[in-house]
N, C-alpha and C. Protein backbone atom coordinates (compact mmCIF):
# COMPACT_ATOMS: atom_id res chain seq x y z
N MET A 1 0.93 -1.14 0.11
CA MET A 1 -0.04 0.11 -0.02
C MET A 1 1.01 1.18 -0.11
N PRO A 2 0.62 2.10 -0.87
CA PRO A 2 1.49 3.40 -1.01
C PRO A 2 1.32 4.25 0.18
N THR A 3 2.40 4.92 0.66
CA THR A 3 2.45 5.79 1.72
C THR A 3 1.67 7.18 1.39
N THR A 4 1.16 7.80 2.49
CA THR A 4 0.62 9.36 2.21
C THR A 4 1.71 10.00 2.47
N PRO A 5 1.88 11.01 1.60
CA PRO A 5 3.15 12.13 1.80
C PRO A 5 2.70 12.91 3.01
N THR A 6 3.80 13.20 3.91
CA THR A 6 3.58 14.33 4.84
C THR A 6 3.36 15.64 4.30
N PRO A 7 2.31 16.41 4.43
CA PRO A 7 2.15 17.81 3.96
C PRO A 7 3.44 18.75 4.49
N PRO A 8 4.02 19.36 3.32
CA PRO A 8 5.08 20.40 3.94
C PRO A 8 4.34 21.43 4.81
N ALA A 9 5.30 21.98 5.67
CA ALA A 9 4.82 22.88 6.61
C ALA A 9 4.69 24.17 6.12
N ASN A 10 5.04 24.70 4.95
CA ASN A 10 4.96 26.03 4.25
C ASN A 10 3.93 25.94 3.32
N LEU A 11 2.78 25.31 3.10
CA LEU A 11 1.87 25.23 2.09
C LEU A 11 0.93 26.59 2.18
N ASP A 12 0.54 27.01 1.10
CA ASP A 12 -0.11 28.14 0.86
C ASP A 12 -1.76 27.68 0.77
N TRP A 13 -2.44 27.72 1.91
CA TRP A 13 -3.76 27.05 1.72
C TRP A 13 -4.72 28.10 1.05
N GLN A 14 -5.59 27.90 0.16
CA GLN A 14 -6.45 28.61 -0.47
C GLN A 14 -7.98 28.20 -0.34
N LYS A 15 -8.77 29.21 -0.01
CA LYS A 15 -10.15 28.84 0.33
C LYS A 15 -11.00 28.58 -0.88
N ALA A 16 -11.62 27.76 -1.04
CA ALA A 16 -12.19 27.30 -2.46
C ALA A 16 -13.79 27.80 -2.37
N THR A 17 -13.76 29.20 -1.80
CA THR A 17 -15.18 29.89 -1.76
C THR A 17 -14.68 31.57 -1.73
N ASP A 18 -15.44 32.21 -2.34
CA ASP A 18 -15.35 33.81 -2.02
C ASP A 18 -16.18 34.29 -0.94
N ASP A 19 -17.09 33.44 -0.59
CA ASP A 19 -18.03 33.65 0.51
C ASP A 19 -17.47 33.72 1.90
N GLU A 20 -17.30 34.97 2.21
CA GLU A 20 -16.54 35.33 3.62
C GLU A 20 -17.35 34.81 4.84
N SER A 21 -18.84 34.76 4.72
CA SER A 21 -19.70 34.17 5.67
C SER A 21 -19.80 32.72 5.72
N ALA A 22 -19.10 31.82 4.80
CA ALA A 22 -19.35 30.48 4.71
C ALA A 22 -18.90 30.03 6.10
N PRO A 23 -19.52 28.99 6.76
CA PRO A 23 -19.23 28.37 7.99
C PRO A 23 -18.26 27.27 7.83
N GLU A 24 -18.27 26.61 6.64
CA GLU A 24 -17.34 25.48 6.33
C GLU A 24 -17.00 25.38 4.80
N TYR A 25 -15.88 25.26 4.52
CA TYR A 25 -15.30 25.49 3.11
C TYR A 25 -14.09 24.53 2.99
N ILE A 26 -13.68 24.18 1.72
CA ILE A 26 -12.54 23.47 1.58
C ILE A 26 -11.31 24.17 1.29
N GLU A 27 -10.26 23.92 1.77
CA GLU A 27 -8.90 24.66 1.26
C GLU A 27 -8.13 23.71 0.46
N VAL A 28 -7.33 24.31 -0.49
CA VAL A 28 -6.53 23.58 -1.36
C VAL A 28 -5.17 24.19 -1.33
N ALA A 29 -4.01 23.16 -1.30
CA ALA A 29 -2.75 23.65 -1.51
C ALA A 29 -1.92 22.87 -2.33
N PHE A 30 -1.10 23.53 -3.06
CA PHE A 30 -0.35 22.82 -4.00
C PHE A 30 1.08 22.69 -3.59
N GLY A 31 1.66 21.41 -3.40
CA GLY A 31 3.02 21.34 -2.89
C GLY A 31 3.95 21.41 -4.04
N ASP A 32 5.37 21.68 -3.78
CA ASP A 32 6.41 21.64 -4.75
C ASP A 32 6.75 19.97 -4.92
N ASP A 33 6.06 19.10 -4.56
CA ASP A 33 6.38 17.73 -4.59
C ASP A 33 5.33 17.14 -5.62
N ASP A 34 4.64 17.80 -6.38
CA ASP A 34 3.75 17.40 -7.25
C ASP A 34 2.54 16.75 -6.75
N HIS A 35 2.21 17.10 -5.36
CA HIS A 35 1.08 16.80 -4.57
C HIS A 35 -0.07 17.85 -4.41
N VAL A 36 -1.39 17.66 -4.34
CA VAL A 36 -2.27 18.52 -4.09
C VAL A 36 -2.92 18.24 -2.80
N TYR A 37 -2.97 19.03 -1.74
CA TYR A 37 -3.58 18.66 -0.35
C TYR A 37 -4.91 19.42 -0.43
N LEU A 38 -5.81 18.67 0.36
CA LEU A 38 -7.17 19.30 0.43
C LEU A 38 -7.77 19.07 2.00
N ARG A 39 -8.40 20.04 2.43
CA ARG A 39 -8.67 19.91 3.80
C ARG A 39 -10.11 20.79 3.91
N THR A 40 -10.76 20.53 5.09
CA THR A 40 -11.83 21.42 5.42
C THR A 40 -11.33 22.36 6.54
N ASN A 41 -12.04 23.72 6.72
CA ASN A 41 -11.47 24.65 7.68
C ASN A 41 -11.88 24.15 9.05
N THR A 42 -13.04 23.14 9.04
CA THR A 42 -13.40 22.55 10.46
C THR A 42 -12.62 21.46 10.74
N GLU A 43 -11.77 20.78 10.01
CA GLU A 43 -10.83 19.77 10.51
C GLU A 43 -9.62 19.82 9.69
N PRO A 44 -8.73 20.84 9.97
CA PRO A 44 -7.59 21.21 9.45
C PRO A 44 -6.45 20.22 9.41
N ASP A 45 -6.59 19.27 10.45
CA ASP A 45 -5.73 18.31 10.47
C ASP A 45 -5.85 16.94 9.84
N ASN A 46 -7.09 16.88 9.17
CA ASN A 46 -7.48 15.89 8.33
C ASN A 46 -7.31 16.19 6.95
N ILE A 47 -6.19 15.84 6.34
CA ILE A 47 -5.85 16.39 5.10
C ILE A 47 -5.87 14.97 4.10
N VAL A 48 -6.27 15.34 3.03
CA VAL A 48 -6.36 14.22 1.89
C VAL A 48 -5.34 14.82 0.80
N THR A 49 -4.74 13.88 0.23
CA THR A 49 -3.60 14.14 -0.87
C THR A 49 -4.02 13.46 -2.09
N THR A 50 -3.71 14.15 -3.16
CA THR A 50 -3.69 13.54 -4.40
C THR A 50 -2.60 14.05 -5.23
N THR A 51 -2.47 13.51 -6.51
CA THR A 51 -1.49 14.00 -7.48
C THR A 51 -1.87 15.16 -8.05
N ARG A 52 -0.96 15.82 -8.94
CA ARG A 52 -1.39 17.09 -9.62
C ARG A 52 -2.03 16.59 -10.89
N THR A 53 -1.67 15.42 -11.41
CA THR A 53 -2.32 14.88 -12.59
C THR A 53 -3.89 14.43 -12.45
N LYS A 54 -4.10 13.91 -11.11
CA LYS A 54 -5.30 13.45 -10.78
C LYS A 54 -6.32 14.78 -10.63
N TRP A 55 -5.65 15.70 -9.87
CA TRP A 55 -6.39 16.89 -9.57
C TRP A 55 -6.92 17.69 -10.99
N ASP A 56 -5.77 17.60 -11.92
CA ASP A 56 -6.16 18.37 -13.06
C ASP A 56 -7.28 17.59 -13.75
N ALA A 57 -7.22 16.38 -13.91
CA ALA A 57 -8.42 15.52 -14.38
C ALA A 57 -9.57 15.85 -13.76
N PHE A 58 -9.74 15.94 -12.47
CA PHE A 58 -11.00 16.32 -11.56
C PHE A 58 -11.46 17.47 -12.11
N VAL A 59 -10.47 18.73 -12.40
CA VAL A 59 -10.83 20.14 -12.46
C VAL A 59 -11.56 19.98 -13.92
N LEU A 60 -10.89 19.35 -14.65
CA LEU A 60 -11.40 19.30 -16.18
C LEU A 60 -12.85 18.53 -16.17
N GLY A 61 -13.27 17.73 -15.29
CA GLY A 61 -14.28 17.03 -15.29
C GLY A 61 -15.38 17.97 -14.57
N VAL A 62 -15.01 18.81 -13.66
CA VAL A 62 -15.92 19.57 -13.18
C VAL A 62 -16.38 20.73 -14.04
N LYS A 63 -15.53 21.15 -14.84
CA LYS A 63 -15.52 22.28 -15.88
C LYS A 63 -16.54 21.64 -17.08
N ALA A 64 -16.48 20.33 -17.19
CA ALA A 64 -17.15 19.78 -18.42
C ALA A 64 -18.50 19.48 -17.75
N GLY A 65 -18.78 19.46 -16.64
CA GLY A 65 -20.18 19.03 -16.04
C GLY A 65 -20.50 17.57 -15.64
N GLU A 66 -19.28 17.09 -15.53
CA GLU A 66 -19.46 15.53 -15.28
C GLU A 66 -19.93 15.29 -13.72
N PHE A 67 -19.85 16.03 -12.92
CA PHE A 67 -20.37 16.02 -11.58
C PHE A 67 -21.66 16.99 -11.18
N ASP A 68 -22.27 17.42 -12.21
CA ASP A 68 -23.46 18.37 -11.89
C ASP A 68 -24.42 17.40 -11.20
N HIS A 69 -24.46 16.09 -11.40
CA HIS A 69 -25.79 15.43 -10.78
C HIS A 69 -25.44 15.35 -9.19
N PHE A 70 -24.29 15.82 -8.82
CA PHE A 70 -24.05 15.94 -7.18
C PHE A 70 -24.50 17.33 -6.71
N VAL A 71 -24.83 18.18 -7.46
CA VAL A 71 -25.19 19.42 -6.94
C VAL A 71 -26.64 19.28 -6.35
N GLY A 72 -26.83 19.87 -5.20
CA GLY A 72 -27.89 20.07 -4.46
C GLY A 72 -28.13 18.61 -3.59
N LEU A 73 -27.19 17.64 -3.56
CA LEU A 73 -27.52 16.62 -2.57
C LEU A 73 -27.69 16.85 -1.18
């Protein structure tokens, strides 16, 4: 089983919302190690890691509407 990389200490976390009043949101950080790190502001120590290649494929899928059926769940 592959090991999960330890997030670097100097990550620049970006909020995935412009809504300043949002009580919960996702934060994304891009590491120099070709990994993308995701967490929620309510559980910042629970970090999910993926590769930049997989992240790029996910973003393209979102832009293409492949996940629209999840909206409003």
